[in-house]
Amino acid sequence: MTADDLLDAFGSAWSGRERSAFASCCAPDVHYEDPLTHGARHGLDALADHAAVLWQAFPDARVERAGERLTDGRFVAAPIRLAGTHLGDLARLPATKRAIALHAVLYCELDPEGSLLWRVRAFFDAYEAAAQLGVLPRPGTVGERALMLLRGFGLRG
């Protein structure tokens, strides 16, 4: 498979909510991180466990291609869009029933043979996600300024 094929399969695995689907595109010893993992997840089972938690919280979650991918044959950067509705509890956060739509970037390294995703890091704005869910104030609002003041950052102009 090409890097594009692997990333398409990775997105389909997330969107399809099938734990075993990650094996079609990820190495058995895949290393996965995103802003919600609090450290790396190692292996297909750990990745699938993380996905299952998110699927429970966002049962309609989907990953969509959001632009051109860049690759040098070993490393790939891929813009994506994450979308879904928060209908289930996520850690200690009860369901908000709010829709979320975020842009993210996957930065991936292929395995030495170039046939599977070996390392995958997803980057997205966790603050923006929390704001869309109504957990934190929207940027630029009085609520955000108050939060920043309480955190010791002073007021922004």
Protein backbone atom coordinates (compact mmCIF):
# COMPACT_ATOMS: atom_id res chain seq x y z
CA MET A 1 0.00 0.00 0.00
CA THR A 2 1.07 3.58 -0.60
CA ALA A 3 1.23 6.15 2.19
CA ASP A 4 -2.07 7.56 0.90
CA ASP A 5 -3.66 4.10 1.05
CA LEU A 6 -2.40 3.60 4.61
CA LEU A 7 -3.79 6.95 5.74
CA ASP A 8 -7.12 6.27 4.03
CA ALA A 9 -7.28 2.91 5.84
CA PHE A 10 -6.35 4.59 9.14
CA GLY A 11 -9.16 7.12 8.72
CA SER A 12 -11.56 4.33 7.79
CA ALA A 13 -10.54 2.36 10.88
CA TRP A 14 -11.42 5.33 13.10
CA SER A 15 -14.64 6.09 11.24
CA GLY A 16 -15.71 2.44 10.96
CA ARG A 17 -15.42 1.68 14.67
CA GLU A 18 -13.85 -1.74 14.08
CA ARG A 19 -10.96 -2.52 16.44
CA SER A 20 -9.37 -5.04 14.09
CA ALA A 21 -9.28 -2.55 11.19
CA PHE A 22 -6.14 -0.90 12.55
CA ALA A 23 -4.18 -4.07 11.72
CA SER A 24 -4.65 -3.37 8.00
CA CYS A 25 -2.66 -0.14 8.18
CA CYS A 26 -0.62 -0.12 11.42
CA ALA A 27 2.40 -2.13 12.48
CA PRO A 28 1.84 -4.55 15.38
CA ASP A 29 4.12 -2.36 17.52
CA VAL A 30 2.51 0.93 16.42
CA HIS A 31 3.29 3.96 18.60
CA TYR A 32 0.28 6.33 18.76
CA GLU A 33 -0.18 9.68 20.53
CA ASP A 34 -2.74 12.46 20.55
CA PRO A 35 -3.61 15.24 23.03
CA LEU A 36 -5.97 12.89 24.91
CA THR A 37 -3.63 9.92 25.39
CA HIS A 38 -1.41 11.53 28.06
CA GLY A 39 1.58 9.71 26.61
CA ALA A 40 2.13 7.17 23.89
CA ARG A 41 0.01 4.07 23.30
CA HIS A 42 2.07 1.11 22.13
CA GLY A 43 0.67 -1.71 20.03
CA LEU A 44 -2.54 -2.41 18.16
CA ASP A 45 -4.51 -3.34 21.27
CA ALA A 46 -3.58 -0.11 23.05
CA LEU A 47 -4.55 1.93 19.99
CA ALA A 48 -7.85 0.04 19.66
CA ASP A 49 -8.56 0.48 23.39
CA HIS A 50 -8.06 4.25 23.04
CA ALA A 51 -10.27 4.33 19.96
CA ALA A 52 -13.00 2.33 21.76
CA VAL A 53 -13.14 4.92 24.55
CA LEU A 54 -13.57 7.69 21.98
CA TRP A 55 -16.15 5.68 20.00
CA GLN A 56 -18.21 5.28 23.18
CA ALA A 57 -18.12 9.05 23.76
CA PHE A 58 -18.57 9.97 20.07
CA PRO A 59 -20.53 7.11 18.46
CA ASP A 60 -20.82 8.97 15.15
CA ALA A 61 -17.13 9.99 15.07
CA ARG A 62 -15.54 10.27 11.67
CA VAL A 63 -12.17 11.19 10.25
CA GLU A 64 -12.09 12.96 6.89
CA ARG A 65 -9.25 13.98 4.63
CA ALA A 66 -8.83 17.78 4.78
CA GLY A 67 -6.08 18.58 2.30
CA GLU A 68 -3.02 17.43 0.44
CA ARG A 69 -0.67 15.05 2.20
CA LEU A 70 3.08 15.55 2.25
CA THR A 71 5.49 12.63 2.19
CA ASP A 72 9.12 11.88 1.57
CA GLY A 73 8.52 8.14 1.39
CA ARG A 74 9.17 7.46 5.09
CA PHE A 75 7.36 10.31 6.85
CA VAL A 76 3.88 11.63 6.09
CA ALA A 77 1.99 14.73 7.24
CA ALA A 78 -1.74 14.56 6.65
CA PRO A 79 -4.35 17.22 7.43
CA ILE A 80 -7.63 15.73 8.62
CA ARG A 81 -10.97 16.83 10.02
CA LEU A 82 -12.40 15.15 13.10
CA ALA A 83 -16.15 15.35 13.63
CA GLY A 84 -18.76 13.76 15.85
CA THR A 85 -21.34 14.28 18.56
CA HIS A 86 -20.48 13.88 22.24
CA LEU A 87 -23.20 11.43 23.30
CA GLY A 88 -21.33 9.31 25.85
CA ASP A 89 -19.19 10.00 28.90
CA LEU A 90 -15.50 10.65 28.32
CA ALA A 91 -13.40 10.06 31.43
CA ARG A 92 -15.08 12.28 34.05
CA LEU A 93 -16.83 14.45 31.45
CA PRO A 94 -20.51 13.57 31.05
CA ALA A 95 -22.03 13.65 27.58
CA THR A 96 -22.67 17.22 26.42
CA LYS A 97 -24.71 16.19 23.36
CA ARG A 98 -22.79 18.82 21.40
CA ALA A 99 -21.30 18.39 17.95
CA ILE A 100 -17.59 18.89 17.49
CA ALA A 101 -15.54 19.56 14.36
CA LEU A 102 -11.78 20.00 14.58
CA HIS A 103 -8.93 20.26 12.16
CA ALA A 104 -5.95 18.08 12.99
CA VAL A 105 -2.67 16.95 11.49
CA LEU A 106 -1.36 13.40 11.55
CA TYR A 107 2.42 13.13 11.53
CA CYS A 108 3.34 9.56 10.69
CA GLU A 109 6.43 7.43 10.22
CA LEU A 110 6.18 4.28 8.14
CA ASP A 111 7.84 1.06 9.26
CA PRO A 112 11.28 0.25 7.78
CA GLU A 113 9.66 -1.64 4.88
CA GLY A 114 7.38 1.33 4.18
CA SER A 115 4.32 -0.90 4.28
CA LEU A 116 2.58 0.08 7.56
CA LEU A 117 2.15 3.06 9.86
CA TRP A 118 4.68 2.64 12.65
CA ARG A 119 4.46 5.92 14.56
CA VAL A 120 1.43 8.19 14.45
CA ARG A 121 1.02 11.50 16.28
CA ALA A 122 -2.23 13.43 15.98
CA PHE A 123 -2.07 17.15 16.70
CA PHE A 124 -5.23 19.15 17.40
CA ASP A 125 -6.29 22.04 19.60
CA ALA A 126 -7.62 20.43 22.78
CA TYR A 127 -8.74 23.85 24.07
CA GLU A 128 -10.86 24.36 20.95
CA ALA A 129 -12.36 20.89 21.46
CA ALA A 130 -13.25 21.75 25.06
CA ALA A 131 -14.74 25.09 23.97
CA GLN A 132 -16.91 23.36 21.34
CA LEU A 133 -18.13 20.96 24.02
CA GLY A 134 -18.99 23.89 26.31
CA VAL A 135 -16.44 22.89 28.93
CA LEU A 136 -14.19 25.94 28.49
CA PRO A 137 -15.04 29.46 27.33
CA ARG A 138 -14.65 30.38 23.66
CA PRO A 139 -11.49 32.31 22.75
CA GLY A 140 -11.89 36.08 22.90
CA THR A 141 -14.83 36.04 25.30
CA VAL A 142 -15.14 37.58 28.75
CA GLY A 143 -15.12 34.04 30.13
CA GLU A 144 -11.75 33.33 28.54
CA ARG A 145 -10.31 36.58 29.87
CA ALA A 146 -11.56 35.71 33.36
CA LEU A 147 -10.08 32.23 33.10
CA MET A 148 -6.72 33.64 31.99
CA LEU A 149 -6.77 36.14 34.87
CA LEU A 150 -7.47 33.36 37.36
CA ARG A 151 -4.61 31.34 35.87
CA GLY A 152 -2.26 34.27 36.45
CA PHE A 153 -1.82 35.35 32.84
CA GLY A 154 -3.41 38.80 33.20
CA LEU A 155 -5.85 40.29 30.75
CA ARG A 156 -5.25 40.26 27.02
CA GLY A 157 -6.09 43.31 24.97
